[in-house]
Amino acid sequence: MAWNLGAIVVNIVASTKGWTAGYRRVSSDVKMLGTQVGALTAMLSGFAVATVREFGKFDRAIREATAVSTVSEEQFKQMSRMA
């Protein structure tokens, strides 16, 4: 015995209007985040470069000072820690 229940036809229509607006909003937010992360990275890089440069100046000054004085290696290390 065969049963025939008929056919079911489904017609699905998707509206992308809301999706498009949401996508644009998210896309804009991601671009803004990228810009902010780039600015933060540049600032941190500049800070790191300045820190290394200043340490180099300090180290050179300490070494020049100890080269013309009678300071021992231990006193040199102590001066560096204090500074």
C-alpha atoms as a PDB file:
ATOM      1  CA  MET A   1       0.000   0.000   0.000  1.00  0.00           C
ATOM      2  CA  ALA A   2       1.470   3.359  -1.034  1.00  0.00           C
ATOM      3  CA  TRP A   3       0.710   6.568   0.721  1.00  0.00           C
ATOM      4  CA  ASN A   4       0.780   9.845  -1.086  1.00  0.00           C
ATOM      5  CA  LEU A   5       0.716  12.768   1.292  1.00  0.00           C
ATOM      6  CA  GLY A   6       1.261  15.327  -1.425  1.00  0.00           C
ATOM      7  CA  ALA A   7       4.107  17.686  -1.996  1.00  0.00           C
ATOM      8  CA  ILE A   8       5.373  20.418   0.206  1.00  0.00           C
ATOM      9  CA  VAL A   9       6.734  23.441  -1.578  1.00  0.00           C
ATOM     10  CA  VAL A  10       8.709  25.950   0.424  1.00  0.00           C
ATOM     11  CA  ASN A  11       9.683  29.288  -0.984  1.00  0.00           C
ATOM     12  CA  ILE A  12      12.260  31.073   1.156  1.00  0.00           C
ATOM     13  CA  VAL A  13      13.073  34.662   0.379  1.00  0.00           C
ATOM     14  CA  ALA A  14      15.851  36.249   2.379  1.00  0.00           C
ATOM     15  CA  SER A  15      16.104  39.934   2.887  1.00  0.00           C
ATOM     16  CA  THR A  16      19.667  41.189   3.128  1.00  0.00           C
ATOM     17  CA  LYS A  17      18.686  44.739   3.958  1.00  0.00           C
ATOM     18  CA  GLY A  18      19.335  44.393   7.687  1.00  0.00           C
ATOM     19  CA  TRP A  19      22.429  42.260   7.109  1.00  0.00           C
ATOM     20  CA  THR A  20      23.971  44.849   4.806  1.00  0.00           C
ATOM     21  CA  ALA A  21      23.498  47.643   7.335  1.00  0.00           C
ATOM     22  CA  GLY A  22      24.948  45.484  10.094  1.00  0.00           C
ATOM     23  CA  TYR A  23      27.887  44.484   7.919  1.00  0.00           C
ATOM     24  CA  ARG A  24      28.666  48.112   7.122  1.00  0.00           C
ATOM     25  CA  ARG A  25      28.548  49.028  10.799  1.00  0.00           C
ATOM     26  CA  VAL A  26      30.857  46.168  11.787  1.00  0.00           C
ATOM     27  CA  SER A  27      33.191  46.942   8.884  1.00  0.00           C
ATOM     28  CA  SER A  28      33.427  50.565  10.012  1.00  0.00           C
ATOM     29  CA  ASP A  29      34.121  49.508  13.606  1.00  0.00           C
ATOM     30  CA  VAL A  30      36.864  47.112  12.499  1.00  0.00           C
ATOM     31  CA  LYS A  31      38.518  49.842  10.412  1.00  0.00           C
ATOM     32  CA  MET A  32      38.414  52.218  13.376  1.00  0.00           C
ATOM     33  CA  LEU A  33      39.886  49.548  15.645  1.00  0.00           C
ATOM     34  CA  GLY A  34      42.677  48.948  13.124  1.00  0.00           C
ATOM     35  CA  THR A  35      43.471  52.658  13.046  1.00  0.00           C
ATOM     36  CA  GLN A  36      43.564  52.849  16.833  1.00  0.00           C
ATOM     37  CA  VAL A  37      45.760  49.759  17.151  1.00  0.00           C
ATOM     38  CA  GLY A  38      48.122  51.231  14.554  1.00  0.00           C
ATOM     39  CA  ALA A  39      48.359  54.500  16.490  1.00  0.00           C
ATOM     40  CA  LEU A  40      48.982  52.653  19.749  1.00  0.00           C
ATOM     41  CA  THR A  41      51.691  50.529  18.121  1.00  0.00           C
ATOM     42  CA  ALA A  42      53.412  53.629  16.743  1.00  0.00           C
ATOM     43  CA  MET A  43      53.304  55.298  20.143  1.00  0.00           C
ATOM     44  CA  LEU A  44      54.713  52.247  21.939  1.00  0.00           C
ATOM     45  CA  SER A  45      57.432  51.842  19.312  1.00  0.00           C
ATOM     46  CA  GLY A  46      58.422  55.479  19.747  1.00  0.00           C
ATOM     47  CA  PHE A  47      58.548  55.014  23.507  1.00  0.00           C
ATOM     48  CA  ALA A  48      60.740  51.912  23.155  1.00  0.00           C
ATOM     49  CA  VAL A  49      63.145  53.686  20.785  1.00  0.00           C
ATOM     50  CA  ALA A  50      63.422  56.676  23.117  1.00  0.00           C
ATOM     51  CA  THR A  51      64.016  54.409  26.110  1.00  0.00           C
ATOM     52  CA  VAL A  52      66.803  52.467  24.386  1.00  0.00           C
ATOM     53  CA  ARG A  53      68.385  55.703  23.129  1.00  0.00           C
ATOM     54  CA  GLU A  54      68.376  57.270  26.608  1.00  0.00           C
ATOM     55  CA  PHE A  55      69.784  54.116  28.180  1.00  0.00           C
ATOM     56  CA  GLY A  56      72.591  54.178  25.613  1.00  0.00           C
ATOM     57  CA  LYS A  57      73.400  57.788  26.543  1.00  0.00           C
ATOM     58  CA  PHE A  58      73.348  56.923  30.234  1.00  0.00           C
ATOM     59  CA  ASP A  59      75.530  53.850  29.787  1.00  0.00           C
ATOM     60  CA  ARG A  60      78.060  55.788  27.706  1.00  0.00           C
ATOM     61  CA  ALA A  61      78.211  58.578  30.307  1.00  0.00           C
ATOM     62  CA  ILE A  62      78.781  56.096  33.143  1.00  0.00           C
ATOM     63  CA  ARG A  63      81.522  54.303  31.203  1.00  0.00           C
ATOM     64  CA  GLU A  64      83.256  57.585  30.328  1.00  0.00           C
ATOM     65  CA  ALA A  65      83.073  58.666  33.954  1.00  0.00           C
ATOM     66  CA  THR A  66      84.597  55.420  35.177  1.00  0.00           C
ATOM     67  CA  ALA A  67      87.293  55.475  32.472  1.00  0.00           C
ATOM     68  CA  VAL A  68      88.764  58.701  33.809  1.00  0.00           C
ATOM     69  CA  SER A  69      88.335  57.860  37.485  1.00  0.00           C
ATOM     70  CA  THR A  70      89.627  55.272  39.909  1.00  0.00           C
ATOM     71  CA  VAL A  71      86.268  53.560  40.364  1.00  0.00           C
ATOM     72  CA  SER A  72      86.286  49.782  40.726  1.00  0.00           C
ATOM     73  CA  GLU A  73      83.994  47.472  38.755  1.00  0.00           C
ATOM     74  CA  GLU A  74      81.842  46.917  41.849  1.00  0.00           C
ATOM     75  CA  GLN A  75      81.528  50.675  42.423  1.00  0.00           C
ATOM     76  CA  PHE A  76      80.590  51.076  38.741  1.00  0.00           C
ATOM     77  CA  LYS A  77      77.795  48.515  39.137  1.00  0.00           C
ATOM     78  CA  GLN A  78      76.639  50.227  42.324  1.00  0.00           C
ATOM     79  CA  MET A  79      76.562  53.625  40.568  1.00  0.00           C
ATOM     80  CA  SER A  80      74.506  52.139  37.746  1.00  0.00           C
ATOM     81  CA  ARG A  81      72.006  50.584  40.156  1.00  0.00           C
ATOM     82  CA  MET A  82      71.668  53.855  42.078  1.00  0.00           C
ATOM     83  CA  ALA A  83      71.147  55.864  38.907  1.00  0.00           C
END
